[in-house]
Amino acid sequence: MLNQNKSSRIADSVLSVSNLSVTFDVTGRKAEAVTGIDFTIPKGRTLGLVGESGSGKSVTSLALMQLLDPRISTVSGSVCLNSQEILGLTEKRMQQIRGSEIAMIFQEPMTSLNPVYTIGNQVVEALLAHKNISMSAAVAEAVKVLSDVGIADAQSMLKRYPHELSGGMKQRVMIAMAVICKPQLLIADEPTTALDVTVQAQILELLQSLQQEYGMSILFITHDLGVIAEIAHEVCVMYAGRIVERASAAELFAAPRHPYTEALLKSVPLLSGERKRLFSIAGSVPSIFEHPLGCNFQDRCNFTFEHCVKEEPELSQISPAHYCACWR
């Protein structure tokens, strides 16, 4: 049932990921970080990928961009960008695609910018690498995009260095660098984690505005379900390298079906109502070296029964657009 209408979803999608798996070879030990990931992102839509640290979210994004070291990692499956298979392309071809067709905002803007180059040099670099454009035209475009991301005096920003900027301004520069070539897909990996709530809200609003203006699709990665509720159209909940639940954002928040999703929602702090101790999920995500037999969530789940410890549940369709991997 999971494959029903799959071909039509792929045809309508900017990104289609099928059976994506990532294995690391660490000093002779095999570590399964991501297993059998499937999702699609239609044009102009946002998919939220959510889960705790160690769930495999960032590894998934790096695999999509082919930024994992091939000497210690093995990536298998299928990744189609506009119906073109990109998994397995040469590094030279991927360099042409990265930044122009698919771009990424990395975690921690404080460390992602090069401290010895000006903002102008770093923003213009992507244009010069991917477009047949003069330096003067590239600078003019950089000023425009910096203005688009909410930087008031964009012209003077070109001459400044990263250490002169606040965290919020650095994040805006990172977004400008990612979107300056107007990619069809933007991967945002925890882009608001290090920011205060006010700046976080501004960044989310900015991404939504740029999405409408440029017609981009977005893969938004975070551990924060509150952020997901603000920006995502569809949500994939990831745990121990697998997607355990997938649904529209509205349905997921209204009727979560996987115990892990329910626990994540209970962990979100409430700003109103009775004051009480914040819920936390006992235990931790299992090591990539030691996946248990059966369901990966069994040791932390309140509903575990005999079958859960014997066999891993598959992601199955439980309603027209809702999928869940749970024996319950």
C-alpha atoms as a PDB file:
ATOM      1  CA  MET A   1       0.000   0.000   0.000  1.00  0.00           C
ATOM      2  CA  LEU A   2       2.951   2.305   0.639  1.00  0.00           C
ATOM      3  CA  ASN A   3       3.806   2.256  -3.071  1.00  0.00           C
ATOM      4  CA  GLN A   4       0.293   3.241  -4.154  1.00  0.00           C
ATOM      5  CA  ASN A   5       0.396   6.306  -6.424  1.00  0.00           C
ATOM      6  CA  LYS A   6       4.193   6.362  -5.970  1.00  0.00           C
ATOM      7  CA  SER A   7       4.921   6.969  -9.657  1.00  0.00           C
ATOM      8  CA  SER A   8       2.594   9.980  -9.772  1.00  0.00           C
ATOM      9  CA  ARG A   9       4.168  11.419  -6.616  1.00  0.00           C
ATOM     10  CA  ILE A  10       7.638  11.104  -8.162  1.00  0.00           C
ATOM     11  CA  ALA A  11       6.537  12.772 -11.412  1.00  0.00           C
ATOM     12  CA  ASP A  12       5.118  15.771  -9.521  1.00  0.00           C
ATOM     13  CA  SER A  13       8.105  16.116  -7.186  1.00  0.00           C
ATOM     14  CA  VAL A  14      11.243  18.224  -7.198  1.00  0.00           C
ATOM     15  CA  LEU A  15      12.948  15.630  -4.991  1.00  0.00           C
ATOM     16  CA  SER A  16      12.126  11.935  -4.748  1.00  0.00           C
ATOM     17  CA  VAL A  17      14.072   9.730  -2.341  1.00  0.00           C
ATOM     18  CA  SER A  18      13.613   5.964  -2.435  1.00  0.00           C
ATOM     19  CA  ASN A  19      15.133   3.333  -0.125  1.00  0.00           C
ATOM     20  CA  LEU A  20      18.032   5.605   0.853  1.00  0.00           C
ATOM     21  CA  SER A  21      20.476   3.891   3.208  1.00  0.00           C
ATOM     22  CA  VAL A  22      23.814   5.022   4.649  1.00  0.00           C
ATOM     23  CA  THR A  23      26.380   2.735   6.279  1.00  0.00           C
ATOM     24  CA  PHE A  24      29.657   3.847   7.837  1.00  0.00           C
ATOM     25  CA  ASP A  25      32.779   1.709   8.174  1.00  0.00           C
ATOM     26  CA  VAL A  26      34.404   2.812  11.424  1.00  0.00           C
ATOM     27  CA  THR A  27      37.684   1.000  12.147  1.00  0.00           C
ATOM     28  CA  GLY A  28      36.293  -2.165  10.630  1.00  0.00           C
ATOM     29  CA  ARG A  29      32.903  -1.926  12.329  1.00  0.00           C
ATOM     30  CA  LYS A  30      29.789  -1.425  10.217  1.00  0.00           C
ATOM     31  CA  ALA A  31      27.437   1.280  11.485  1.00  0.00           C
ATOM     32  CA  GLU A  32      23.983   1.604   9.931  1.00  0.00           C
ATOM     33  CA  ALA A  33      23.076   5.296  10.225  1.00  0.00           C
ATOM     34  CA  VAL A  34      20.118   5.520   7.801  1.00  0.00           C
ATOM     35  CA  THR A  35      17.924   2.664   6.590  1.00  0.00           C
ATOM     36  CA  GLY A  36      15.363   2.592   3.771  1.00  0.00           C
ATOM     37  CA  ILE A  37      14.322   6.252   3.731  1.00  0.00           C
ATOM     38  CA  ASP A  38      11.483   7.200   1.336  1.00  0.00           C
ATOM     39  CA  PHE A  39       9.943  10.626   0.780  1.00  0.00           C
ATOM     40  CA  THR A  40       9.050  13.120  -1.929  1.00  0.00           C
ATOM     41  CA  ILE A  41       8.886  16.922  -1.961  1.00  0.00           C
ATOM     42  CA  PRO A  42       6.553  18.614  -4.490  1.00  0.00           C
ATOM     43  CA  LYS A  43       7.431  21.951  -6.066  1.00  0.00           C
ATOM     44  CA  GLY A  44       6.988  24.907  -3.736  1.00  0.00           C
ATOM     45  CA  ARG A  45       6.279  22.712  -0.697  1.00  0.00           C
ATOM     46  CA  THR A  46       8.134  22.158   2.575  1.00  0.00           C
ATOM     47  CA  LEU A  47       8.861  18.758   4.091  1.00  0.00           C
ATOM     48  CA  GLY A  48       9.852  18.740   7.747  1.00  0.00           C
ATOM     49  CA  LEU A  49      12.288  16.046   8.889  1.00  0.00           C
ATOM     50  CA  VAL A  50      12.129  15.840  12.664  1.00  0.00           C
ATOM     51  CA  GLY A  51      13.690  13.721  15.403  1.00  0.00           C
ATOM     52  CA  GLU A  52      16.150  13.758  18.284  1.00  0.00           C
ATOM     53  CA  SER A  53      19.889  14.153  17.838  1.00  0.00           C
ATOM     54  CA  GLY A  54      21.248  10.854  16.566  1.00  0.00           C
ATOM     55  CA  SER A  55      18.134  10.030  14.540  1.00  0.00           C
ATOM     56  CA  GLY A  56      19.958  10.336  11.211  1.00  0.00           C
ATOM     57  CA  LYS A  57      18.543  13.644   9.966  1.00  0.00           C
ATOM     58  CA  SER A  58      21.811  15.408   9.135  1.00  0.00           C
ATOM     59  CA  VAL A  59      23.352  12.243   7.682  1.00  0.00           C
ATOM     60  CA  THR A  60      20.336  12.043   5.361  1.00  0.00           C
ATOM     61  CA  SER A  61      20.857  15.625   4.187  1.00  0.00           C
ATOM     62  CA  LEU A  62      24.588  15.092   3.599  1.00  0.00           C
ATOM     63  CA  ALA A  63      23.835  11.924   1.643  1.00  0.00           C
ATOM     64  CA  LEU A  64      21.404  13.852  -0.582  1.00  0.00           C
ATOM     65  CA  MET A  65      24.127  16.402  -1.305  1.00  0.00           C
ATOM     66  CA  GLN A  66      26.758  13.663  -1.687  1.00  0.00           C
ATOM     67  CA  LEU A  67      28.960  15.306   0.926  1.00  0.00           C
ATOM     68  CA  LEU A  68      29.762  12.133   2.888  1.00  0.00           C
ATOM     69  CA  ASP A  69      33.315  10.798   2.650  1.00  0.00           C
ATOM     70  CA  PRO A  70      33.162   7.816   0.258  1.00  0.00           C
ATOM     71  CA  ARG A  71      36.204   6.273   1.974  1.00  0.00           C
ATOM     72  CA  ILE A  72      34.204   5.539   5.123  1.00  0.00           C
ATOM     73  CA  SER A  73      30.577   5.609   3.949  1.00  0.00           C
ATOM     74  CA  THR A  74      28.382   3.638   1.577  1.00  0.00           C
ATOM     75  CA  VAL A  75      25.213   5.282   0.234  1.00  0.00           C
ATOM     76  CA  SER A  76      22.601   3.229  -1.617  1.00  0.00           C
ATOM     77  CA  GLY A  77      19.085   3.743  -2.933  1.00  0.00           C
ATOM     78  CA  SER A  78      17.759   6.405  -5.268  1.00  0.00           C
ATOM     79  CA  VAL A  79      17.746  10.216  -5.134  1.00  0.00           C
ATOM     80  CA  CYS A  80      15.975  11.906  -8.059  1.00  0.00           C
ATOM     81  CA  LEU A  81      16.124  15.669  -8.530  1.00  0.00           C
ATOM     82  CA  ASN A  82      13.519  16.681 -11.127  1.00  0.00           C
ATOM     83  CA  SER A  83      13.328  13.031 -12.216  1.00  0.00           C
ATOM     84  CA  GLN A  84      17.114  12.893 -12.749  1.00  0.00           C
ATOM     85  CA  GLU A  85      19.019  10.330 -10.681  1.00  0.00           C
ATOM     86  CA  ILE A  86      21.821  12.176  -8.883  1.00  0.00           C
ATOM     87  CA  LEU A  87      23.073   9.455  -6.554  1.00  0.00           C
ATOM     88  CA  GLY A  88      26.287   8.176  -8.058  1.00  0.00           C
ATOM     89  CA  LEU A  89      27.026  11.177 -10.265  1.00  0.00           C
ATOM     90  CA  THR A  90      30.659  12.221 -10.565  1.00  0.00           C
ATOM     91  CA  GLU A  91      32.000  14.824  -8.154  1.00  0.00           C
ATOM     92  CA  LYS A  92      32.484  17.238 -11.043  1.00  0.00           C
ATOM     93  CA  ARG A  93      28.809  16.946 -12.015  1.00  0.00           C
ATOM     94  CA  MET A  94      27.678  17.274  -8.388  1.00  0.00           C
ATOM     95  CA  GLN A  95      29.698  20.471  -8.044  1.00  0.00           C
ATOM     96  CA  GLN A  96      27.641  21.880 -10.897  1.00  0.00           C
ATOM     97  CA  ILE A  97      24.379  20.852  -9.206  1.00  0.00           C
ATOM     98  CA  ARG A  98      25.236  21.945  -5.654  1.00  0.00           C
ATOM     99  CA  GLY A  99      24.466  25.605  -5.210  1.00  0.00           C
ATOM    100  CA  SER A 100      22.623  25.971  -8.504  1.00  0.00           C
ATOM    101  CA  GLU A 101      19.871  23.308  -8.427  1.00  0.00           C
ATOM    102  CA  ILE A 102      20.094  22.168  -4.821  1.00  0.00           C
ATOM    103  CA  ALA A 103      21.539  24.244  -1.975  1.00  0.00           C
ATOM    104  CA  MET A 104      22.004  23.793   1.749  1.00  0.00           C
ATOM    105  CA  ILE A 105      21.991  25.949   4.864  1.00  0.00           C
ATOM    106  CA  PHE A 106      24.245  24.205   7.355  1.00  0.00           C
ATOM    107  CA  GLN A 107      23.985  24.136  11.133  1.00  0.00           C
ATOM    108  CA  GLU A 108      25.761  26.799  13.178  1.00  0.00           C
ATOM    109  CA  PRO A 109      26.116  29.921  10.996  1.00  0.00           C
ATOM    110  CA  MET A 110      28.795  31.100  13.433  1.00  0.00           C
ATOM    111  CA  THR A 111      31.169  28.411  12.138  1.00  0.00           C
ATOM    112  CA  SER A 112      29.901  27.965   8.561  1.00  0.00           C
ATOM    113  CA  LEU A 113      31.208  31.311   7.296  1.00  0.00           C
ATOM    114  CA  ASN A 114      34.913  31.652   6.506  1.00  0.00           C
ATOM    115  CA  PRO A 115      36.359  34.145   9.020  1.00  0.00           C
ATOM    116  CA  VAL A 116      39.130  35.423   6.711  1.00  0.00           C
ATOM    117  CA  TYR A 117      36.921  36.446   3.764  1.00  0.00           C
ATOM    118  CA  THR A 118      34.457  39.307   3.547  1.00  0.00           C
ATOM    119  CA  ILE A 119      30.731  38.672   3.284  1.00  0.00           C
ATOM    120  CA  GLY A 120      30.827  40.006  -0.273  1.00  0.00           C
ATOM    121  CA  ASN A 121      33.478  37.505  -1.353  1.00  0.00           C
ATOM    122  CA  GLN A 122      31.526  34.597   0.104  1.00  0.00           C
ATOM    123  CA  VAL A 123      28.130  35.556  -1.314  1.00  0.00           C
ATOM    124  CA  VAL A 124      29.465  36.394  -4.795  1.00  0.00           C
ATOM    125  CA  GLU A 125      31.468  33.146  -4.995  1.00  0.00           C
ATOM    126  CA  ALA A 126      28.405  30.985  -5.715  1.00  0.00           C
ATOM    127  CA  LEU A 127      27.296  33.198  -8.608  1.00  0.00           C
ATOM    128  CA  LEU A 128      30.740  33.230 -10.205  1.00  0.00           C
ATOM    129  CA  ALA A 129      30.958  29.440  -9.877  1.00  0.00           C
ATOM    130  CA  HIS A 130      27.595  28.666 -11.467  1.00  0.00           C
ATOM    131  CA  LYS A 131      26.673  31.582 -13.728  1.00  0.00           C
ATOM    132  CA  ASN A 132      28.318  33.187 -16.743  1.00  0.00           C
ATOM    133  CA  ILE A 133      28.327  36.615 -15.145  1.00  0.00           C
ATOM    134  CA  SER A 134      30.686  39.560 -14.710  1.00  0.00           C
ATOM    135  CA  MET A 135      32.013  40.597 -11.314  1.00  0.00           C
ATOM    136  CA  SER A 136      30.053  43.858 -11.356  1.00  0.00           C
ATOM    137  CA  ALA A 137      26.804  42.043 -12.181  1.00  0.00           C
ATOM    138  CA  ALA A 138      27.525  39.453  -9.484  1.00  0.00           C
ATOM    139  CA  VAL A 139      28.080  42.179  -6.878  1.00  0.00           C
ATOM    140  CA  ALA A 140      24.831  43.888  -7.899  1.00  0.00           C
ATOM    141  CA  GLU A 141      22.946  40.585  -7.554  1.00  0.00           C
ATOM    142  CA  ALA A 142      24.589  39.957  -4.164  1.00  0.00           C
ATOM    143  CA  VAL A 143      23.359  43.340  -2.921  1.00  0.00           C
ATOM    144  CA  LYS A 144      19.838  42.535  -4.125  1.00  0.00           C
ATOM    145  CA  VAL A 145      19.746  39.104  -2.469  1.00  0.00           C
ATOM    146  CA  LEU A 146      21.176  40.454   0.801  1.00  0.00           C
ATOM    147  CA  SER A 147      18.376  43.019   0.734  1.00  0.00           C
ATOM    148  CA  ASP A 148      15.874  40.248   0.016  1.00  0.00           C
ATOM    149  CA  VAL A 149      16.916  38.424   3.181  1.00  0.00           C
ATOM    150  CA  GLY A 150      16.304  41.494   5.305  1.00  0.00           C
ATOM    151  CA  ILE A 151      19.732  43.123   5.569  1.00  0.00           C
ATOM    152  CA  ALA A 152      19.120  46.872   5.584  1.00  0.00           C
ATOM    153  CA  ASP A 153      22.456  48.257   4.373  1.00  0.00           C
ATOM    154  CA  ALA A 154      23.389  45.455   1.982  1.00  0.00           C
ATOM    155  CA  GLN A 155      26.047  47.467   0.129  1.00  0.00           C
ATOM    156  CA  SER A 156      28.149  48.037   3.246  1.00  0.00           C
ATOM    157  CA  MET A 157      27.588  44.434   4.363  1.00  0.00           C
ATOM    158  CA  LEU A 158      29.707  43.259   1.435  1.00  0.00           C
ATOM    159  CA  LYS A 159      32.841  44.715   3.069  1.00  0.00           C
ATOM    160  CA  ARG A 160      32.251  43.295   6.536  1.00  0.00           C
ATOM    161  CA  TYR A 161      33.694  40.133   8.063  1.00  0.00           C
ATOM    162  CA  PRO A 162      31.710  37.379   9.844  1.00  0.00           C
ATOM    163  CA  HIS A 163      32.995  38.337  13.309  1.00  0.00           C
ATOM    164  CA  GLU A 164      31.326  41.736  12.918  1.00  0.00           C
ATOM    165  CA  LEU A 165      27.845  40.204  12.571  1.00  0.00           C
ATOM    166  CA  SER A 166      25.294  38.985  15.096  1.00  0.00           C
ATOM    167  CA  GLY A 167      24.038  35.403  14.983  1.00  0.00           C
ATOM    168  CA  GLY A 168      20.838  36.433  13.241  1.00  0.00           C
ATOM    169  CA  MET A 169      22.707  38.441  10.607  1.00  0.00           C
ATOM    170  CA  LYS A 170      25.092  35.542   9.959  1.00  0.00           C
ATOM    171  CA  GLN A 171      22.118  33.265   9.411  1.00  0.00           C
ATOM    172  CA  ARG A 172      20.621  35.737   6.930  1.00  0.00           C
ATOM    173  CA  VAL A 173      23.936  35.796   5.055  1.00  0.00           C
ATOM    174  CA  MET A 174      23.976  31.989   4.983  1.00  0.00           C
ATOM    175  CA  ILE A 175      20.464  32.012   3.520  1.00  0.00           C
ATOM    176  CA  ALA A 176      21.515  34.596   0.914  1.00  0.00           C
ATOM    177  CA  MET A 177      24.461  32.401  -0.103  1.00  0.00           C
ATOM    178  CA  ALA A 178      22.152  29.389  -0.455  1.00  0.00           C
ATOM    179  CA  VAL A 179      19.435  31.074  -2.535  1.00  0.00           C
ATOM    180  CA  ILE A 180      21.468  33.465  -4.685  1.00  0.00           C
ATOM    181  CA  CYS A 181      21.417  31.034  -7.651  1.00  0.00           C
ATOM    182  CA  LYS A 182      17.682  30.396  -7.080  1.00  0.00           C
ATOM    183  CA  PRO A 183      17.924  26.633  -6.497  1.00  0.00           C
ATOM    184  CA  GLN A 184      14.844  24.474  -6.938  1.00  0.00           C
ATOM    185  CA  LEU A 185      15.489  22.704  -3.618  1.00  0.00           C
ATOM    186  CA  LEU A 186      16.783  24.213  -0.392  1.00  0.00           C
ATOM    187  CA  ILE A 187      17.926  21.947   2.457  1.00  0.00           C
ATOM    188  CA  ALA A 188      17.836  23.797   5.781  1.00  0.00           C
ATOM    189  CA  ASP A 189      19.601  21.807   8.516  1.00  0.00           C
ATOM    190  CA  GLU A 190      18.637  23.171  11.952  1.00  0.00           C
ATOM    191  CA  PRO A 191      18.823  26.784  10.678  1.00  0.00           C
ATOM    192  CA  THR A 192      17.276  28.323  13.815  1.00  0.00           C
ATOM    193  CA  THR A 193      18.794  26.227  16.617  1.00  0.00           C
ATOM    194  CA  ALA A 194      21.330  28.759  17.903  1.00  0.00           C
ATOM    195  CA  LEU A 195      18.989  31.763  17.640  1.00  0.00           C
ATOM    196  CA  ASP A 196      16.671  33.331  20.197  1.00  0.00           C
ATOM    197  CA  VAL A 197      12.933  32.936  19.668  1.00  0.00           C
ATOM    198  CA  THR A 198      12.416  36.400  18.169  1.00  0.00           C
ATOM    199  CA  VAL A 199      15.139  35.976  15.538  1.00  0.00           C
ATOM    200  CA  GLN A 200      13.977  32.395  14.984  1.00  0.00           C
ATOM    201  CA  ALA A 201      10.500  33.619  14.051  1.00  0.00           C
ATOM    202  CA  GLN A 202      12.005  36.185  11.679  1.00  0.00           C
ATOM    203  CA  ILE A 203      14.110  33.512   9.934  1.00  0.00           C
ATOM    204  CA  LEU A 204      11.108  31.220   9.488  1.00  0.00           C
ATOM    205  CA  GLU A 205       9.074  34.075   8.031  1.00  0.00           C
ATOM    206  CA  LEU A 206      11.985  34.921   5.726  1.00  0.00           C
ATOM    207  CA  LEU A 207      12.264  31.346   4.419  1.00  0.00           C
ATOM    208  CA  GLN A 208       8.535  31.230   3.705  1.00  0.00           C
ATOM    209  CA  SER A 209       8.721  34.559   1.873  1.00  0.00           C
ATOM    210  CA  LEU A 210      11.695  33.423  -0.247  1.00  0.00           C
ATOM    211  CA  GLN A 211       9.931  30.159  -0.996  1.00  0.00           C
ATOM    212  CA  GLN A 212       6.946  32.033  -2.423  1.00  0.00           C
ATOM    213  CA  GLU A 213       9.132  34.467  -4.360  1.00  0.00           C
ATOM    214  CA  TYR A 214      11.498  31.875  -5.873  1.00  0.00           C
ATOM    215  CA  GLY A 215       9.121  28.873  -5.997  1.00  0.00           C
ATOM    216  CA  MET A 216      11.571  26.704  -4.045  1.00  0.00           C
ATOM    217  CA  SER A 217      10.920  23.398  -2.374  1.00  0.00           C
ATOM    218  CA  ILE A 218      12.392  23.079   1.133  1.00  0.00           C
ATOM    219  CA  LEU A 219      13.619  20.148   3.210  1.00  0.00           C
ATOM    220  CA  PHE A 220      13.566  21.569   6.734  1.00  0.00           C
ATOM    221  CA  ILE A 221      15.477  19.546   9.336  1.00  0.00           C
ATOM    222  CA  THR A 222      14.968  20.159  13.047  1.00  0.00           C
ATOM    223  CA  HIS A 223      14.329  18.548  16.418  1.00  0.00           C
ATOM    224  CA  ASP A 224      11.776  21.248  17.251  1.00  0.00           C
ATOM    225  CA  LEU A 225       8.158  20.341  16.511  1.00  0.00           C
ATOM    226  CA  GLY A 226       7.103  23.902  17.290  1.00  0.00           C
ATOM    227  CA  VAL A 227       9.186  25.095  14.338  1.00  0.00           C
ATOM    228  CA  ILE A 228       7.803  22.300  12.149  1.00  0.00           C
ATOM    229  CA  ALA A 229       4.248  23.414  12.933  1.00  0.00           C
ATOM    230  CA  GLU A 230       5.095  26.884  11.607  1.00  0.00           C
ATOM    231  CA  ILE A 231       6.737  25.981   8.317  1.00  0.00           C
ATOM    232  CA  ALA A 232       6.096  22.409   7.088  1.00  0.00           C
ATOM    233  CA  HIS A 233       3.346  21.120   4.807  1.00  0.00           C
ATOM    234  CA  GLU A 234       4.276  17.474   5.374  1.00  0.00           C
ATOM    235  CA  VAL A 235       6.309  15.874   8.169  1.00  0.00           C
ATOM    236  CA  CYS A 236       8.538  12.815   8.389  1.00  0.00           C
ATOM    237  CA  VAL A 237       9.370  11.715  11.936  1.00  0.00           C
ATOM    238  CA  MET A 238      12.735   9.977  12.044  1.00  0.00           C
ATOM    239  CA  TYR A 239      14.066   7.651  14.725  1.00  0.00           C
ATOM    240  CA  ALA A 240      17.255   5.570  14.783  1.00  0.00           C
ATOM    241  CA  GLY A 241      17.839   6.022  11.057  1.00  0.00           C
ATOM    242  CA  ARG A 242      14.290   5.182   9.936  1.00  0.00           C
ATOM    243  CA  ILE A 243      11.148   7.156   9.171  1.00  0.00           C
ATOM    244  CA  VAL A 244       8.575   5.962  11.707  1.00  0.00           C
ATOM    245  CA  GLU A 245       5.706   8.285  10.751  1.00  0.00           C
ATOM    246  CA  ARG A 246       4.823  10.448   7.761  1.00  0.00           C
ATOM    247  CA  ALA A 247       1.754  12.652   7.346  1.00  0.00           C
ATOM    248  CA  SER A 248       0.596  16.156   6.515  1.00  0.00           C
ATOM    249  CA  ALA A 249       1.522  18.600   9.259  1.00  0.00           C
ATOM    250  CA  ALA A 250      -2.143  19.188  10.084  1.00  0.00           C
ATOM    251  CA  GLU A 251      -2.909  15.476  10.474  1.00  0.00           C
ATOM    252  CA  LEU A 252       0.290  14.680  12.349  1.00  0.00           C
ATOM    253  CA  PHE A 253      -0.358  17.312  15.010  1.00  0.00           C
ATOM    254  CA  ALA A 254      -4.073  16.486  15.227  1.00  0.00           C
ATOM    255  CA  ALA A 255      -3.738  12.694  15.356  1.00  0.00           C
ATOM    256  CA  PRO A 256      -0.187  11.360  15.866  1.00  0.00           C
ATOM    257  CA  ARG A 257      -0.098   7.558  15.628  1.00  0.00           C
ATOM    258  CA  HIS A 258       3.452   6.494  16.516  1.00  0.00           C
ATOM    259  CA  PRO A 259       4.362   6.455  20.245  1.00  0.00           C
ATOM    260  CA  TYR A 260       7.582   8.334  19.459  1.00  0.00           C
ATOM    261  CA  THR A 261       5.677  11.142  17.716  1.00  0.00           C
ATOM    262  CA  GLU A 262       3.248  11.309  20.644  1.00  0.00           C
ATOM    263  CA  ALA A 263       6.178  11.557  23.068  1.00  0.00           C
ATOM    264  CA  LEU A 264       7.848  14.316  21.025  1.00  0.00           C
ATOM    265  CA  LEU A 265       4.616  16.335  21.044  1.00  0.00           C
ATOM    266  CA  LYS A 266       4.278  15.895  24.818  1.00  0.00           C
ATOM    267  CA  SER A 267       7.824  17.260  25.157  1.00  0.00           C
ATOM    268  CA  VAL A 268       6.922  20.612  23.569  1.00  0.00           C
ATOM    269  CA  PRO A 269       6.642  23.290  26.307  1.00  0.00           C
ATOM    270  CA  LEU A 270       3.286  25.053  26.583  1.00  0.00           C
ATOM    271  CA  LEU A 271       3.072  28.804  27.104  1.00  0.00           C
ATOM    272  CA  SER A 272      -0.357  28.692  28.719  1.00  0.00           C
ATOM    273  CA  GLY A 273      -2.338  26.511  31.105  1.00  0.00           C
ATOM    274  CA  GLU A 274      -1.246  24.804  34.277  1.00  0.00           C
ATOM    275  CA  ARG A 275       2.421  25.034  35.138  1.00  0.00           C
ATOM    276  CA  LYS A 276       3.943  21.561  35.419  1.00  0.00           C
ATOM    277  CA  ARG A 277       7.165  19.663  34.920  1.00  0.00           C
ATOM    278  CA  LEU A 278       8.125  19.321  31.240  1.00  0.00           C
ATOM    279  CA  PHE A 279       7.783  15.784  29.886  1.00  0.00           C
ATOM    280  CA  SER A 280      10.930  14.067  28.640  1.00  0.00           C
ATOM    281  CA  ILE A 281      11.395  10.739  26.877  1.00  0.00           C
ATOM    282  CA  ALA A 282      13.276   8.266  29.053  1.00  0.00           C
ATOM    283  CA  GLY A 283      16.444   6.718  27.634  1.00  0.00           C
ATOM    284  CA  SER A 284      18.196   7.667  24.423  1.00  0.00           C
ATOM    285  CA  VAL A 285      18.352   6.842  20.719  1.00  0.00           C
ATOM    286  CA  PRO A 286      20.113   3.460  20.246  1.00  0.00           C
ATOM    287  CA  SER A 287      23.687   3.470  18.969  1.00  0.00           C
ATOM    288  CA  ILE A 288      24.149   3.042  15.231  1.00  0.00           C
ATOM    289  CA  PHE A 289      26.351   0.056  16.124  1.00  0.00           C
ATOM    290  CA  GLU A 290      23.691  -1.661  18.223  1.00  0.00           C
ATOM    291  CA  HIS A 291      20.219  -1.581  16.673  1.00  0.00           C
ATOM    292  CA  PRO A 292      17.984  -3.919  18.688  1.00  0.00           C
ATOM    293  CA  LEU A 293      16.138  -6.850  17.166  1.00  0.00           C
ATOM    294  CA  GLY A 294      12.588  -5.690  16.454  1.00  0.00           C
ATOM    295  CA  CYS A 295      11.380  -2.107  16.862  1.00  0.00           C
ATOM    296  CA  ASN A 296      14.133   0.416  17.579  1.00  0.00           C
ATOM    297  CA  PHE A 297      11.861   2.321  19.972  1.00  0.00           C
ATOM    298  CA  GLN A 298      10.921  -0.699  22.105  1.00  0.00           C
ATOM    299  CA  ASP A 299      13.077   0.196  25.150  1.00  0.00           C
ATOM    300  CA  ARG A 300      11.496   3.650  25.453  1.00  0.00           C
ATOM    301  CA  CYS A 301       7.917   2.831  24.498  1.00  0.00           C
ATOM    302  CA  ASN A 302       5.002   2.477  26.919  1.00  0.00           C
ATOM    303  CA  PHE A 303       3.119   0.142  24.564  1.00  0.00           C
ATOM    304  CA  THR A 304       5.742  -2.542  23.856  1.00  0.00           C
ATOM    305  CA  PHE A 305       4.426  -6.092  23.577  1.00  0.00           C
ATOM    306  CA  GLU A 306       5.911  -9.421  22.500  1.00  0.00           C
ATOM    307  CA  HIS A 307       5.861  -8.839  18.731  1.00  0.00           C
ATOM    308  CA  CYS A 308       7.708  -5.500  19.088  1.00  0.00           C
ATOM    309  CA  VAL A 309      10.900  -7.234  20.221  1.00  0.00           C
ATOM    310  CA  LYS A 310      10.848  -9.804  17.420  1.00  0.00           C
ATOM    311  CA  GLU A 311      10.300  -7.886  14.186  1.00  0.00           C
ATOM    312  CA  GLU A 312      10.846  -4.332  12.903  1.00  0.00           C
ATOM    313  CA  PRO A 313       7.511  -2.841  11.745  1.00  0.00           C
ATOM    314  CA  GLU A 314       7.359  -1.476   8.201  1.00  0.00           C
ATOM    315  CA  LEU A 315       6.102   1.986   7.313  1.00  0.00           C
ATOM    316  CA  SER A 316       2.501   1.225   6.339  1.00  0.00           C
ATOM    317  CA  GLN A 317      -0.383   3.326   5.092  1.00  0.00           C
ATOM    318  CA  ILE A 318      -3.052   3.864   7.751  1.00  0.00           C
ATOM    319  CA  SER A 319      -5.057   6.581   5.959  1.00  0.00           C
ATOM    320  CA  PRO A 320      -4.868   8.191   2.479  1.00  0.00           C
ATOM    321  CA  ALA A 321      -1.856  10.374   3.345  1.00  0.00           C
ATOM    322  CA  HIS A 322      -0.725   9.015   6.711  1.00  0.00           C
ATOM    323  CA  TYR A 323       1.923   6.321   7.201  1.00  0.00           C
ATOM    324  CA  CYS A 324       3.199   4.765  10.421  1.00  0.00           C
ATOM    325  CA  ALA A 325       5.693   2.053  11.426  1.00  0.00           C
ATOM    326  CA  CYS A 326       4.214   0.578  14.582  1.00  0.00           C
ATOM    327  CA  TRP A 327       2.726  -2.807  15.547  1.00  0.00           C
ATOM    328  CA  ARG A 328       0.171  -1.103  17.821  1.00  0.00           C
END
